[in-house]
Protein backbone atom coordinates (compact mmCIF):
# COMPACT_ATOMS: atom_id res chain seq x y z
CA MET A 1 -51.17 30.49 -26.12
CA LYS A 2 -51.64 26.96 -27.38
CA LYS A 3 -49.62 26.00 -30.46
CA LYS A 4 -51.74 24.93 -33.43
CA LYS A 5 -51.07 21.44 -34.72
CA ILE A 6 -50.75 21.16 -38.48
CA HIS A 7 -52.99 18.49 -39.97
CA ILE A 8 -51.19 15.63 -41.77
CA ASN A 9 -53.07 16.38 -45.01
CA SER A 10 -51.71 19.94 -44.95
CA LYS A 11 -48.17 18.63 -44.49
CA LEU A 12 -48.55 16.16 -47.37
CA SER A 13 -50.05 18.82 -49.62
CA PHE A 14 -47.15 21.16 -48.81
CA ARG A 15 -44.58 18.49 -49.72
CA GLU A 16 -46.33 17.69 -53.01
CA LEU A 17 -46.49 21.37 -53.90
CA GLN A 18 -42.78 21.86 -53.21
CA GLU A 19 -41.92 19.05 -55.61
CA THR A 20 -43.51 21.02 -58.47
CA LEU A 21 -41.76 24.31 -57.65
CA GLY A 22 -38.34 25.48 -58.70
CA LYS A 23 -35.50 25.47 -56.16
CA ARG A 24 -35.68 29.22 -55.42
CA GLN A 25 -39.49 29.17 -55.29
CA GLY A 26 -39.35 26.32 -52.77
CA ALA A 27 -36.80 28.14 -50.61
CA ILE A 28 -38.93 31.31 -50.64
CA LEU A 29 -42.08 29.36 -49.78
CA GLN A 30 -40.32 27.70 -46.85
CA ALA A 31 -38.99 31.06 -45.63
CA VAL A 32 -42.42 32.71 -45.75
CA THR A 33 -43.99 29.71 -44.03
CA ARG A 34 -41.34 29.74 -41.27
CA MET A 35 -41.84 33.45 -40.57
CA LYS A 36 -45.58 32.88 -39.82
CA LYS A 37 -46.52 36.52 -40.49
CA LEU A 38 -46.84 38.99 -43.33
CA VAL A 39 -43.34 39.56 -44.73
CA THR A 40 -41.82 41.89 -47.29
CA ASP A 41 -39.67 40.82 -50.22
CA ARG A 42 -36.67 42.35 -48.43
CA GLN A 43 -37.33 40.31 -45.27
CA VAL A 44 -37.37 37.13 -47.38
CA LYS A 45 -34.14 38.20 -49.14
CA ASN A 46 -32.46 38.84 -45.80
CA LEU A 47 -33.65 35.56 -44.27
CA LEU A 48 -32.30 33.63 -47.26
CA GLU A 49 -29.09 35.70 -47.13
CA LEU A 50 -29.35 36.70 -50.79
CA ASP A 51 -27.56 39.75 -52.20
CA ASP A 52 -30.09 40.96 -54.75
CA MET A 53 -33.78 41.82 -54.43
CA ASN A 54 -34.23 40.47 -57.97
CA ALA A 55 -33.44 37.02 -56.59
CA VAL A 56 -36.75 37.01 -54.71
CA ARG A 57 -39.17 39.47 -56.35
CA PRO A 58 -39.91 37.47 -59.53
CA ARG A 59 -40.28 34.22 -57.60
CA ILE A 60 -42.66 35.80 -55.08
CA SER A 61 -44.72 37.19 -57.98
CA GLU A 62 -44.86 33.69 -59.49
CA LEU A 63 -45.98 32.19 -56.17
CA LEU A 64 -48.69 34.86 -55.90
CA ARG A 65 -49.92 34.02 -59.42
CA LEU A 66 -49.99 30.33 -58.52
CA GLY A 67 -52.10 31.14 -55.48
CA VAL A 68 -49.52 29.67 -53.12
CA LEU A 69 -48.89 33.02 -51.43
CA LYS A 70 -51.41 35.73 -50.63
CA GLU A 71 -50.73 39.44 -50.63
CA GLY A 72 -51.50 41.40 -47.48
CA THR A 73 -51.64 45.08 -46.73
CA PRO A 74 -48.61 47.06 -47.91
CA VAL A 75 -46.20 48.68 -45.48
CA LYS A 76 -43.65 51.49 -45.75
CA CYS A 77 -40.12 50.12 -46.23
CA PRO A 78 -37.74 51.59 -43.64
CA ILE A 79 -34.90 51.50 -46.17
CA THR A 80 -36.51 52.96 -49.30
CA GLY A 81 -39.38 54.86 -47.72
CA ARG A 82 -41.74 53.43 -50.36
CA LYS A 83 -44.80 51.27 -49.84
CA VAL A 84 -43.99 47.61 -50.45
CA ARG A 85 -46.02 44.44 -50.61
CA ARG A 86 -46.21 41.90 -47.84
CA VAL A 87 -47.06 38.27 -48.43
CA LYS A 88 -48.08 35.27 -46.35
CA ARG A 89 -48.69 31.56 -46.88
């Protein structure tokens, strides 16, 4: 499969956006972007090696409200057994 090249305008837009975000929001956005798939809040927490889900949930909600992240179909969490959101860039 051929790797997609990211257009320079997309890269510049991403950098400008990160300058307006808080530190944690920026880290979460980078993590979600790196994962290149729908991810749960817990997956983001684990990737960033954070101890508390409340370190990511509010920031992900803010990024959703800003339209920076999009919510995908929910999935059952293997840890809690509850349906949880998944997000993508």
